[in-house]
Protein backbone atom coordinates (compact mmCIF):
# COMPACT_ATOMS: atom_id res chain seq x y z
CA MET A 1 11.14 -17.26 13.29
CA GLU A 2 7.80 -18.57 12.00
CA GLY A 3 4.26 -17.34 12.65
CA ILE A 4 5.25 -15.12 15.58
CA THR A 5 2.25 -13.56 17.34
CA LYS A 6 2.41 -11.30 20.39
CA GLU A 7 -0.43 -9.40 22.05
CA PHE A 8 -0.50 -6.80 24.83
CA PRO A 9 -3.64 -5.46 26.53
CA GLY A 10 -5.51 -3.68 23.74
CA VAL A 11 -2.66 -4.07 21.24
CA LYS A 12 -1.77 -6.84 18.79
CA ALA A 13 1.91 -6.04 18.38
CA LEU A 14 2.79 -8.95 16.06
CA SER A 15 0.50 -11.07 13.91
CA ASN A 16 1.89 -14.21 12.22
CA VAL A 17 5.29 -12.64 11.47
CA ASN A 18 8.12 -14.54 9.77
CA PHE A 19 11.83 -13.72 9.87
CA ARG A 20 14.85 -15.69 8.71
CA LEU A 21 18.54 -14.98 9.11
CA TYR A 22 21.51 -16.60 7.35
CA PRO A 23 25.11 -16.94 8.56
CA GLY A 24 27.41 -14.12 7.47
CA GLU A 25 24.68 -11.68 6.40
CA VAL A 26 23.37 -8.31 7.53
CA HIS A 27 19.57 -8.47 7.52
CA ALA A 28 17.74 -5.15 7.89
CA LEU A 29 14.43 -5.08 9.76
CA MET A 30 12.37 -2.17 8.48
CA GLY A 31 9.03 -0.59 9.32
CA GLU A 32 7.34 2.50 10.73
CA ASN A 33 7.28 3.23 14.44
CA GLY A 34 4.89 0.72 15.96
CA ALA A 35 5.41 -1.74 13.09
CA GLY A 36 6.65 -4.39 15.54
CA LYS A 37 10.41 -4.35 14.99
CA SER A 38 11.44 -3.96 18.63
CA THR A 39 8.71 -6.38 19.74
CA LEU A 40 10.03 -9.04 17.34
CA ILE A 41 13.55 -8.54 18.67
CA LYS A 42 12.37 -8.77 22.28
CA ALA A 43 10.40 -11.92 21.45
CA LEU A 44 13.56 -13.48 20.02
CA THR A 45 15.72 -12.51 23.01
CA GLY A 46 13.39 -13.56 25.82
CA VAL A 47 12.29 -10.10 26.96
CA TYR A 48 8.75 -11.00 25.86
CA SER A 49 7.14 -14.42 25.78
CA ILE A 50 5.73 -15.52 22.42
CA ASP A 51 1.97 -16.16 22.27
CA LYS A 52 2.15 -18.20 19.04
CA GLY A 53 4.87 -19.28 16.64
CA SER A 54 8.27 -20.93 16.80
CA VAL A 55 11.95 -20.01 16.81
CA ILE A 56 14.55 -22.30 15.22
CA LEU A 57 18.30 -21.78 15.69
CA GLU A 58 20.68 -23.87 13.55
CA GLY A 59 17.89 -26.34 12.80
CA GLU A 60 16.84 -26.84 16.42
CA PRO A 61 13.73 -25.34 18.09
CA ILE A 62 14.56 -23.01 20.97
CA HIS A 63 12.42 -21.54 23.74
CA VAL A 64 14.03 -18.42 25.17
CA SER A 65 12.49 -17.13 28.40
CA THR A 66 15.15 -14.60 29.49
CA PRO A 67 17.79 -12.38 27.84
CA LEU A 68 20.44 -14.37 29.73
CA GLU A 69 19.26 -17.56 28.02
CA ALA A 70 19.46 -15.77 24.67
CA GLN A 71 23.06 -14.72 25.38
CA GLU A 72 23.95 -18.27 26.38
CA LEU A 73 22.59 -19.40 22.99
CA GLY A 74 24.80 -16.80 21.26
CA ILE A 75 22.15 -14.11 20.65
CA SER A 76 22.99 -10.58 21.86
CA THR A 77 21.21 -7.25 21.42
CA VAL A 78 22.24 -3.61 21.49
CA TYR A 79 19.10 -1.49 21.92
CA GLN A 80 18.44 2.06 20.70
CA GLU A 81 18.42 3.32 24.31
CA VAL A 82 21.77 2.54 25.94
CA ASN A 83 20.96 0.00 28.67
CA LEU A 84 24.18 0.01 30.65
CA CYS A 85 25.10 1.01 34.21
CA PRO A 86 26.51 4.56 34.28
CA ASN A 87 27.73 4.14 37.88
CA LEU A 88 30.05 1.25 36.88
CA SER A 89 33.32 1.34 34.95
CA VAL A 90 33.65 0.54 31.26
CA THR A 91 35.23 -2.82 32.13
CA GLU A 92 32.45 -3.69 34.60
CA ASN A 93 29.80 -2.91 31.97
CA ILE A 94 31.47 -5.13 29.38
CA PHE A 95 31.94 -8.09 31.76
CA ILE A 96 28.95 -7.69 34.10
CA GLY A 97 27.57 -11.13 34.96
CA ARG A 98 30.61 -12.85 33.42
CA GLU A 99 33.47 -11.57 35.57
CA ILE A 100 36.84 -13.32 35.24
CA MET A 101 37.81 -14.96 38.54
CA LYS A 102 41.20 -15.96 39.96
CA HIS A 103 41.64 -17.68 43.30
CA GLY A 104 38.03 -16.84 44.18
CA ARG A 105 38.40 -13.14 43.45
CA ILE A 106 37.68 -10.93 40.47
CA ASN A 107 40.76 -10.65 38.27
CA TRP A 108 40.58 -6.92 37.55
CA ALA A 109 43.91 -6.74 35.74
CA GLU A 110 42.88 -9.40 33.22
CA MET A 111 39.41 -7.92 32.74
CA ASN A 112 40.82 -4.44 32.15
CA ARG A 113 43.33 -5.85 29.67
CA ARG A 114 40.67 -7.76 27.73
CA ALA A 115 38.28 -4.77 27.74
CA SER A 116 40.99 -2.48 26.33
CA GLU A 117 41.94 -5.06 23.72
CA LEU A 118 38.32 -5.63 22.69
CA LEU A 119 37.60 -1.92 22.28
CA SER A 120 40.82 -1.12 20.43
CA SER A 121 41.03 -4.18 18.16
CA ARG A 122 37.38 -4.56 17.18
CA LEU A 123 36.00 -1.02 17.53
CA ASN A 124 39.18 1.05 17.20
CA LEU A 125 38.19 2.84 20.41
CA ASN A 126 41.06 3.76 22.74
CA ILE A 127 39.70 4.92 26.09
CA GLU A 128 40.47 4.41 29.78
CA VAL A 129 38.40 1.34 30.69
CA THR A 130 38.66 1.92 34.46
CA ASP A 131 36.74 5.22 34.22
CA LEU A 132 33.02 5.34 35.00
CA LEU A 133 30.75 4.89 32.01
CA SER A 134 28.98 8.14 32.93
CA THR A 135 32.13 10.14 32.14
CA TYR A 136 31.80 9.31 28.44
CA SER A 137 29.45 10.72 25.80
CA VAL A 138 26.31 8.92 24.65
CA ALA A 139 28.12 8.03 21.41
CA VAL A 140 30.97 6.33 23.26
CA GLN A 141 28.50 4.57 25.57
CA GLN A 142 26.76 3.21 22.47
CA MET A 143 30.05 1.81 21.20
CA ILE A 144 30.70 0.21 24.61
CA ALA A 145 27.25 -1.41 24.48
CA ILE A 146 28.17 -2.86 21.09
CA ALA A 147 31.51 -4.07 22.51
CA ARG A 148 29.66 -5.87 25.32
CA ALA A 149 27.38 -7.55 22.79
CA LEU A 150 30.35 -8.61 20.68
CA ASN A 151 31.99 -10.04 23.77
CA VAL A 152 29.09 -12.38 24.59
CA SER A 153 27.64 -13.15 21.16
CA ALA A 154 28.88 -16.03 19.05
CA LYS A 155 26.10 -16.46 16.48
CA VAL A 156 23.63 -13.55 16.24
CA LEU A 157 24.17 -9.84 16.90
CA ILE A 158 21.08 -7.61 16.92
CA LEU A 159 21.69 -3.88 16.47
CA ASP A 160 18.54 -1.85 17.21
CA GLU A 161 19.17 1.72 15.97
CA PRO A 162 22.89 1.51 16.88
CA THR A 163 23.85 4.62 14.90
CA SER A 164 21.22 7.05 16.24
CA SER A 165 23.78 8.71 18.54
CA LEU A 166 26.88 8.30 16.36
CA ASP A 167 28.48 10.84 14.05
CA ARG A 168 29.59 10.03 10.50
CA ASP A 169 33.10 8.89 11.46
CA GLU A 170 31.74 6.64 14.22
CA VAL A 171 29.18 5.15 11.82
CA SER A 172 31.95 4.37 9.32
CA GLN A 173 33.96 2.80 12.14
CA LEU A 174 30.98 0.67 13.20
CA PHE A 175 30.31 -0.43 9.62
CA SER A 176 33.94 -1.56 9.31
CA VAL A 177 33.39 -3.72 12.38
CA ILE A 178 30.12 -5.09 10.98
CA ARG A 179 31.78 -6.06 7.69
CA LYS A 180 34.58 -7.82 9.57
CA LEU A 181 32.10 -9.75 11.73
CA LYS A 182 30.07 -10.63 8.65
CA GLU A 183 33.19 -12.11 7.02
CA GLU A 184 33.72 -14.18 10.17
CA GLY A 185 30.24 -15.71 9.66
CA LEU A 186 28.32 -13.77 12.32
CA SER A 187 24.63 -13.16 11.55
CA ILE A 188 23.60 -9.54 12.11
CA VAL A 189 20.12 -8.03 12.43
CA PHE A 190 20.28 -4.31 11.69
CA VAL A 191 17.44 -1.92 12.56
CA SER A 192 17.70 1.69 11.41
CA HIS A 193 15.57 4.52 10.02
CA PHE A 194 18.51 5.82 7.97
CA LEU A 195 17.89 4.57 4.43
CA ASP A 196 21.41 5.42 3.28
CA GLN A 197 22.82 3.17 5.99
CA ILE A 198 20.41 0.35 5.20
CA TYR A 199 21.46 0.32 1.55
CA GLU A 200 25.12 0.66 2.45
CA ILE A 201 25.41 -2.21 4.92
CA SER A 202 22.53 -4.70 4.51
CA ASP A 203 22.18 -7.74 2.23
CA ARG A 204 18.50 -8.47 2.82
CA ILE A 205 15.47 -6.53 4.08
CA THR A 206 12.33 -7.68 5.90
CA VAL A 207 9.48 -5.16 6.08
CA LEU A 208 6.85 -5.05 8.84
CA ARG A 209 3.78 -2.81 8.98
CA ASN A 210 1.30 -2.53 11.86
CA GLY A 211 2.57 -5.81 13.33
CA ASN A 212 2.19 -7.69 10.04
CA TRP A 213 4.81 -9.27 7.79
CA ILE A 214 4.88 -7.45 4.43
CA GLY A 215 7.76 -9.25 2.72
CA GLU A 216 11.43 -10.17 2.47
CA TYR A 217 13.62 -8.66 -0.27
CA MET A 218 17.22 -8.59 -1.45
CA THR A 219 18.50 -5.07 -0.79
CA ASP A 220 20.02 -4.53 -4.23
CA GLN A 221 16.72 -5.52 -5.87
CA LEU A 222 14.42 -3.20 -3.91
CA PRO A 223 14.35 0.49 -4.99
CA ARG A 224 14.26 2.94 -2.10
CA LEU A 225 10.90 4.47 -2.99
CA GLN A 226 9.33 1.00 -3.15
CA LEU A 227 10.79 0.18 0.27
CA VAL A 228 9.28 3.31 1.82
CA SER A 229 5.97 2.63 0.07
CA LYS A 230 5.85 -0.86 1.58
CA MET A 231 6.77 0.49 5.02
CA ILE A 232 4.06 3.14 5.23
CA GLY A 233 1.43 1.62 2.95
CA LYS A 234 1.12 4.58 0.60
CA ASP A 235 1.10 4.64 -3.18
CA LEU A 236 4.26 5.92 -4.84
CA ASP A 237 2.49 9.09 -6.04
CA ASP A 238 1.40 9.94 -2.48
CA LEU A 239 4.87 9.15 -1.21
CA GLU A 240 6.61 11.45 -3.67
CA SER A 241 4.39 14.26 -2.39
CA LEU A 242 5.13 13.39 1.25
CA THR A 243 8.91 13.29 0.77
CA SER A 244 9.24 16.22 -1.62
CA HIS A 245 12.53 18.04 -1.18
CA GLY A 246 11.40 21.56 -1.96
CA LYS A 247 12.99 24.26 0.20
CA LYS A 248 9.93 25.39 2.10
CA GLY A 249 12.03 27.20 4.69
CA SER A 250 13.08 30.03 2.41
CA ASN A 251 9.40 30.96 1.82
CA GLN A 252 8.59 31.69 5.48
CA LYS A 253 7.49 35.20 6.37
CA LYS A 254 9.37 36.92 9.16
CA GLY A 255 7.09 38.38 11.83
CA GLU A 256 7.93 40.49 14.86
CA LEU A 257 10.99 39.72 16.98
CA PHE A 258 10.04 37.30 19.78
CA LEU A 259 13.34 36.37 21.44
CA LYS A 260 16.83 37.85 21.38
CA ALA A 261 19.84 36.23 23.07
CA LYS A 262 22.82 38.55 23.54
CA GLU A 263 26.24 37.12 24.43
CA LEU A 264 24.50 34.27 26.25
CA THR A 265 26.95 31.73 27.70
CA LYS A 266 27.52 28.98 30.22
CA LYS A 267 31.14 28.20 31.02
CA GLY A 268 32.20 24.75 29.87
CA ASN A 269 28.97 24.29 27.89
CA ILE A 270 28.73 26.98 25.21
CA GLN A 271 30.72 30.08 24.30
CA PRO A 272 28.92 33.47 24.14
CA PHE A 273 26.42 33.56 21.28
CA ASN A 274 23.81 35.86 19.76
CA LEU A 275 20.54 34.55 18.35
CA GLU A 276 17.25 36.10 17.27
CA MET A 277 13.93 34.30 16.84
CA TYR A 278 11.09 35.94 14.90
CA GLN A 279 7.42 34.98 14.96
CA GLY A 280 6.49 32.38 12.36
CA GLU A 281 10.13 31.54 11.64
CA ILE A 282 11.89 28.18 11.77
CA VAL A 283 15.57 28.48 12.68
CA GLY A 284 17.85 25.46 12.45
CA LEU A 285 20.80 24.57 14.66
CA ALA A 286 23.32 22.47 12.74
CA GLY A 287 26.53 20.93 14.02
CA LEU A 288 28.27 17.69 14.81
CA LEU A 289 27.59 15.67 17.95
CA GLY A 290 28.97 17.67 20.89
CA SER A 291 29.08 20.96 18.97
CA GLY A 292 26.81 22.73 21.48
CA ARG A 293 23.38 22.45 19.83
CA THR A 294 21.60 20.97 22.85
CA GLU A 295 23.46 23.35 25.19
CA VAL A 296 21.97 26.33 23.31
CA ALA A 297 18.48 24.80 23.50
CA ARG A 298 18.75 24.14 27.24
CA LEU A 299 19.88 27.72 27.96
CA LEU A 300 16.93 29.14 26.04
CA PHE A 301 14.55 26.94 28.07
CA GLY A 302 16.07 27.68 31.46
CA ALA A 303 17.05 24.02 31.94
CA ASP A 304 20.61 25.33 32.40
CA LYS A 305 21.33 28.73 33.93
CA ASN A 306 23.50 31.13 31.95
CA ASP A 307 26.67 32.55 33.54
CA ASP A 308 26.61 35.71 31.46
CA GLY A 309 24.65 37.46 28.74
CA GLU A 310 20.94 38.23 28.60
CA ILE A 311 17.67 37.26 26.96
CA GLU A 312 14.97 39.61 25.72
CA ILE A 313 11.44 38.35 25.07
CA LYS A 314 9.21 40.68 23.09
CA GLY A 315 11.68 43.49 23.78
CA ARG A 316 11.70 42.97 27.56
CA LYS A 317 14.78 41.73 29.41
CA THR A 318 13.89 38.39 30.99
CA GLN A 319 15.60 35.98 33.37
CA LEU A 320 14.91 32.32 32.49
CA LYS A 321 16.08 30.80 35.76
CA THR A 322 14.07 27.57 35.43
CA PRO A 323 11.93 25.76 32.84
CA ARG A 324 8.87 27.07 34.73
CA HIS A 325 9.97 30.64 33.90
CA ALA A 326 10.45 29.66 30.25
CA ILE A 327 7.01 28.02 30.05
CA SER A 328 5.36 31.09 31.58
CA ASN A 329 7.05 33.15 28.84
CA GLY A 330 5.61 30.97 26.08
CA ILE A 331 8.63 28.70 25.48
CA ALA A 332 8.37 24.90 25.13
CA PHE A 333 11.19 22.37 24.85
CA CYS A 334 10.92 18.84 23.43
CA SER A 335 14.15 17.11 24.55
CA GLU A 336 16.07 14.59 22.44
CA ASN A 337 16.38 12.39 25.54
CA ARG A 338 12.75 11.32 25.85
CA LYS A 339 13.59 8.38 28.13
CA THR A 340 15.01 10.42 31.03
CA GLU A 341 13.76 13.96 30.30
CA GLY A 342 10.40 13.31 28.69
CA ILE A 343 8.06 10.41 29.28
CA ILE A 344 6.63 9.25 32.61
CA PRO A 345 6.57 5.52 31.71
CA ASP A 346 3.88 4.37 34.16
CA LEU A 347 1.39 7.06 33.11
CA THR A 348 -0.98 6.81 30.16
CA ILE A 349 -0.76 8.65 26.85
CA ARG A 350 -3.46 11.05 28.11
CA GLU A 351 -1.71 11.73 31.40
CA ASN A 352 1.64 12.34 29.71
CA MET A 353 0.06 14.70 27.20
CA ILE A 354 -1.69 17.01 29.67
CA LEU A 355 1.21 17.39 32.13
CA ALA A 356 2.56 20.67 30.74
CA MET A 357 -0.92 22.19 30.33
CA GLN A 358 -1.82 21.18 33.89
CA ALA A 359 1.44 22.71 35.16
CA THR A 360 0.70 26.05 33.48
CA GLN A 361 -2.74 26.16 35.15
CA GLY A 362 -1.45 25.07 38.55
CA TRP A 363 -2.28 21.89 40.42
CA PHE A 364 -5.34 23.39 42.11
CA LYS A 365 -7.07 24.07 38.76
CA TYR A 366 -7.53 20.45 37.77
CA ILE A 367 -8.38 19.79 34.11
CA PRO A 368 -11.60 17.70 34.06
CA ARG A 369 -11.16 14.09 32.90
CA LYS A 370 -13.58 14.57 30.00
CA LYS A 371 -11.56 17.56 28.76
CA GLN A 372 -8.32 15.57 29.07
CA VAL A 373 -9.73 12.76 26.92
CA GLU A 374 -10.94 15.23 24.27
CA ILE A 375 -7.51 16.87 24.10
CA ALA A 376 -5.69 13.52 23.97
CA ASN A 377 -7.93 12.15 21.21
CA GLU A 378 -7.50 15.35 19.18
CA TYR A 379 -3.70 15.16 19.22
CA ILE A 380 -3.65 11.38 18.74
CA GLY A 381 -5.47 12.10 15.48
CA ILE A 382 -3.35 15.10 14.47
CA LEU A 383 -0.05 13.27 15.05
CA ASN A 384 -1.26 9.81 14.01
CA ILE A 385 -0.19 8.21 17.31
CA ASN A 386 -0.43 4.42 17.38
CA PRO A 387 -2.13 2.79 19.25
CA ALA A 388 -4.92 5.38 19.19
CA ASN A 389 -5.94 4.65 22.78
CA PRO A 390 -5.41 7.53 25.25
CA GLU A 391 -5.47 5.09 28.20
CA GLN A 392 -2.59 2.98 26.89
CA LEU A 393 0.54 3.20 29.07
CA ILE A 394 3.16 5.23 27.22
CA LYS A 395 5.91 2.71 28.05
CA ASN A 396 4.12 0.22 25.74
CA LEU A 397 4.50 2.55 22.73
CA SER A 398 7.36 2.50 20.24
CA GLY A 399 10.05 5.15 20.60
CA GLY A 400 8.70 7.17 17.69
CA ASN A 401 5.17 7.25 19.07
CA GLN A 402 6.51 8.26 22.49
CA GLN A 403 8.23 11.15 20.70
CA LYS A 404 4.89 12.18 19.19
CA VAL A 405 3.26 12.19 22.63
CA MET A 406 6.05 14.45 23.91
CA LEU A 407 5.44 16.82 21.01
CA ALA A 408 1.69 16.81 21.72
CA ARG A 409 2.40 17.69 25.37
CA TRP A 410 3.94 20.97 24.29
CA LEU A 411 1.65 21.76 21.36
CA ILE A 412 -1.29 21.63 23.77
CA THR A 413 0.20 24.62 25.62
CA ASN A 414 0.18 26.64 22.36
CA PRO A 415 3.69 28.08 22.89
CA ASP A 416 5.13 31.13 21.11
CA LEU A 417 8.49 29.39 20.73
CA LEU A 418 8.82 25.61 20.32
CA ILE A 419 12.33 24.17 20.72
CA LEU A 420 12.64 20.75 19.06
CA ASP A 421 15.86 18.86 19.84
CA GLU A 422 16.28 15.99 17.36
CA PRO A 423 12.50 15.43 17.01
CA THR A 424 12.92 13.05 14.05
CA ARG A 425 15.65 10.84 15.54
CA GLY A 426 14.52 7.24 15.53
CA ILE A 427 11.23 7.82 13.70
CA ASP A 428 10.28 6.43 10.33
CA VAL A 429 10.27 8.13 6.94
CA GLY A 430 6.51 8.69 6.85
CA ALA A 431 6.47 10.20 10.34
CA LYS A 432 9.39 12.47 9.40
CA GLY A 433 7.37 13.79 6.46
CA GLU A 434 4.39 14.39 8.76
CA MET A 435 6.65 16.17 11.27
CA MET A 436 8.07 18.47 8.57
CA ASN A 437 4.58 19.35 7.34
CA LEU A 438 3.39 19.99 10.91
CA MET A 439 6.30 22.34 11.55
CA GLN A 440 5.43 24.31 8.44
CA SER A 441 1.79 24.56 9.51
CA LEU A 442 2.73 25.79 12.99
CA SER A 443 5.10 28.34 11.50
CA GLU A 444 2.36 29.64 9.19
CA GLU A 445 0.17 30.11 12.29
CA GLY A 446 2.87 32.36 13.79
CA MET A 447 4.75 29.95 16.05
CA SER A 448 8.55 30.33 16.24
CA ILE A 449 10.45 27.03 16.04
CA LEU A 450 14.07 26.28 16.91
CA PHE A 451 14.89 23.03 15.12
CA VAL A 452 17.94 21.04 16.24
CA SER A 453 18.82 18.18 13.90
CA SER A 454 21.75 16.07 12.73
CA GLU A 455 19.98 15.62 9.38
CA LEU A 456 21.18 18.49 7.18
CA GLU A 457 18.64 17.68 4.48
CA GLU A 458 15.83 18.20 7.01
CA VAL A 459 17.34 21.49 8.19
CA LEU A 460 17.67 22.80 4.64
CA ARG A 461 14.15 21.69 3.80
CA THR A 462 12.41 23.40 6.70
CA CYS A 463 14.41 26.33 8.05
CA ARG A 464 14.50 29.99 7.01
CA ARG A 465 17.82 30.57 8.77
CA ILE A 466 20.51 28.11 9.84
CA ALA A 467 22.93 28.71 12.73
CA VAL A 468 26.02 26.49 12.57
CA LEU A 469 27.90 25.40 15.69
CA ARG A 470 31.39 23.99 16.01
CA ASP A 471 33.31 23.09 19.17
CA ARG A 472 30.61 24.66 21.40
CA LYS A 473 30.68 27.94 19.53
CA LEU A 474 28.13 29.46 17.16
CA VAL A 475 30.41 30.07 14.16
CA SER A 476 28.03 31.30 11.45
CA GLU A 477 24.44 32.04 10.52
CA LYS A 478 23.10 31.62 6.99
CA GLU A 479 19.88 32.61 5.24
CA ASN A 480 18.38 29.60 3.48
CA SER A 481 18.10 29.74 -0.30
CA ASP A 482 18.16 27.47 -3.34
CA GLN A 483 21.89 28.18 -3.62
CA LEU A 484 22.67 26.92 -0.10
CA THR A 485 23.76 23.26 -0.08
CA GLN A 486 24.58 20.58 2.46
CA GLN A 487 28.22 20.95 1.43
CA ASP A 488 28.13 24.63 2.42
CA ILE A 489 26.83 23.74 5.88
CA MET A 490 29.27 20.84 6.27
CA LYS A 491 32.17 23.13 5.41
CA GLU A 492 31.19 25.46 8.26
CA MET A 493 30.73 22.51 10.62
CA ALA A 494 34.16 21.13 9.71
CA GLY A 495 35.89 24.50 10.01
CA GLY A 496 37.55 24.55 6.61
CA ASP A 497 37.70 22.99 3.17
CA LEU A 498 35.86 19.66 2.93
CA ALA A 499 38.84 18.01 1.25
């Protein structure tokens, strides 16, 4: 790809960007949220038209106008958000648009056989392919999306944040598949914010920043700190300060008790648990995918109704029957699933931001437009949201910047308890540092924060206490200290000795 330029109304997403990919290599595409990674991928695969520049495949110029054309040329993509049909079976999702026919009818037996063989032989995933996709976890759905891409791609496989919903074992399984495909000569574009994964699997790295091409580097010749410096445009000294690993969590002061959950439970979701949240305290929820972290968060926000147990807020027994009850009691919840539980895609940044505040005031006490703009501009600055235009449609923002808008929505309401479910998933290193610093500032101002994260290093860095979940049960709670390590937490998560 040479000199690729792409503009949207008010946004220059790509400016003269170059990218080259060799057979049998894994090429990492790196950059902050809004750097242009997803736009470049969508320009290659026909989702977006290219304003300027050219694309050459195996020495021949190509002009891709639709994703179907890209697939026919041997270019397939698996996006960060699983774009499959939950109301169809696993087999139907893998073969949709390319069904196997026999005597004028769909040959279901052959399709089911091939789907099972594809999943088991290439992804080591043994599941019932006739079941609806919706019956499987997000992690399994991600693997099925990858299987579909493998099934149609012959030359180029693009993986856009493929591991964001996978646990460690599933990541290892995926990497085994990637190495096998690489040996077969397949070219793979790999997009991820996990630096460990980039250095484990990639051969080459291209860095973008603010829609501009920064450079192309061999992975084994680019130190990690230099990579991050190029991504976020900060000097190494500034970067070391931003990514310092000091345990800030253990220094938090415990204020008065805000919330107390006693034997709270929902059958089939989470076993009875006890949890206390004090003012100005950050509490972490750690556990593997499916351990019950999100289930705890949803109960505390009234998104799910408890079957038994009780909640006290400021010493008063309270029923959180709905999110509206939670909001009126000073609780805010930033969901990990921003696509279906967060953003309103056809509204602007400003409109998305003020929704929660408007809801707390009631629809008959309309917030004046001038006040809305002031609020939006303030939080665009605080959270460094890009583009810095409150009238930009939120669907045109990168995933990480959409996440920041969701966070702003709740910060505007000035909650007593802020529940953050995977707030750093899919955002870049610089934004993660900013998020950690923001959480510390909010905690110092007296806000309680429940922090759900798969990243143990983040949990240890920010939290005063850490509650560990396993198999939908809260199994232990630990005070953070310099002696507490990731291995200690992992041992609790695993339920025994790490060996």
